């Protein structure tokens, strides 16, 4: 009886280990979370990227006003 239980549990754990269904969805979810965190950290602070973009748009606006 204990041997059958051991075999059943071992087989179940092997099937669970080899089951790859849903792995891709989890990977895409993790990539989405990482990208969201990166974007929040990049655009939430007044870092050099924000300053550079602001300066570039100001230069474009000044050039358009010059016409």
Protein backbone atom coordinates (compact mmCIF):
# COMPACT_ATOMS: atom_id res chain seq x y z
CA UNK A 1 0.00 0.00 0.00
CA UNK A 2 2.77 2.45 0.90
CA UNK A 3 4.68 1.42 -2.23
CA UNK A 4 1.65 2.20 -4.41
CA UNK A 5 1.27 5.59 -2.72
CA UNK A 6 4.98 6.29 -3.27
CA UNK A 7 4.73 5.33 -6.95
CA UNK A 8 1.59 7.44 -7.45
CA UNK A 9 3.17 10.49 -5.80
CA UNK A 10 6.40 10.03 -7.76
CA UNK A 11 4.49 9.74 -11.05
CA UNK A 12 2.40 12.80 -10.23
CA UNK A 13 5.48 14.87 -9.39
CA UNK A 14 7.20 13.77 -12.61
CA UNK A 15 4.15 14.74 -14.66
CA UNK A 16 3.96 18.08 -12.87
CA UNK A 17 7.66 18.72 -13.48
CA UNK A 18 7.38 17.92 -17.20
CA UNK A 19 4.14 19.84 -17.78
CA UNK A 20 4.96 22.97 -19.80
CA UNK A 21 1.40 24.10 -20.42
CA UNK A 22 1.00 27.75 -19.49
CA UNK A 23 4.72 28.43 -19.24
CA UNK A 24 4.67 30.83 -22.19
CA UNK A 25 1.88 32.89 -20.65
CA UNK A 26 3.82 33.15 -17.41
CA UNK A 27 6.95 34.22 -19.30
CA UNK A 28 5.05 36.92 -21.20
CA UNK A 29 3.53 38.08 -17.93
CA UNK A 30 6.95 38.42 -16.32
CA UNK A 31 8.28 40.31 -19.35
CA UNK A 32 5.28 42.65 -19.18
CA UNK A 33 5.85 43.32 -15.49
CA UNK A 34 9.55 44.00 -16.09
CA UNK A 35 8.78 46.42 -18.94
CA UNK A 36 6.14 48.22 -16.89
CA UNK A 37 8.55 48.60 -13.97
CA UNK A 38 11.25 49.94 -16.31
CA UNK A 39 8.89 52.48 -17.87
CA UNK A 40 7.60 53.63 -14.50
CA UNK A 41 11.12 54.08 -13.15
CA UNK A 42 12.24 55.86 -16.32
CA UNK A 43 9.39 58.31 -16.67
CA UNK A 44 8.44 58.83 -13.01
CA UNK A 45 11.69 60.48 -12.01
CA UNK A 46 13.04 63.68 -13.52
CA UNK A 47 16.06 61.92 -14.95
CA UNK A 48 18.30 62.70 -17.87
CA UNK A 49 15.96 60.99 -20.35
CA UNK A 50 13.08 63.28 -19.44
CA UNK A 51 15.34 66.32 -19.59
CA UNK A 52 16.73 65.29 -22.99
CA UNK A 53 13.25 64.69 -24.43
CA UNK A 54 12.00 67.99 -23.05
CA UNK A 55 14.96 69.82 -24.59
CA UNK A 56 14.47 68.10 -27.94
CA UNK A 57 10.79 69.05 -28.07
CA UNK A 58 11.64 72.63 -27.10
CA UNK A 59 14.18 72.77 -29.95
CA UNK A 60 11.61 71.42 -32.41
CA UNK A 61 9.03 73.96 -31.23
CA UNK A 62 11.56 76.78 -31.58
CA UNK A 63 12.46 75.65 -35.11
CA UNK A 64 8.79 75.51 -36.08
CA UNK A 65 8.21 79.00 -34.67
CA UNK A 66 11.12 80.29 -36.75
CA UNK A 67 9.30 79.46 -40.00
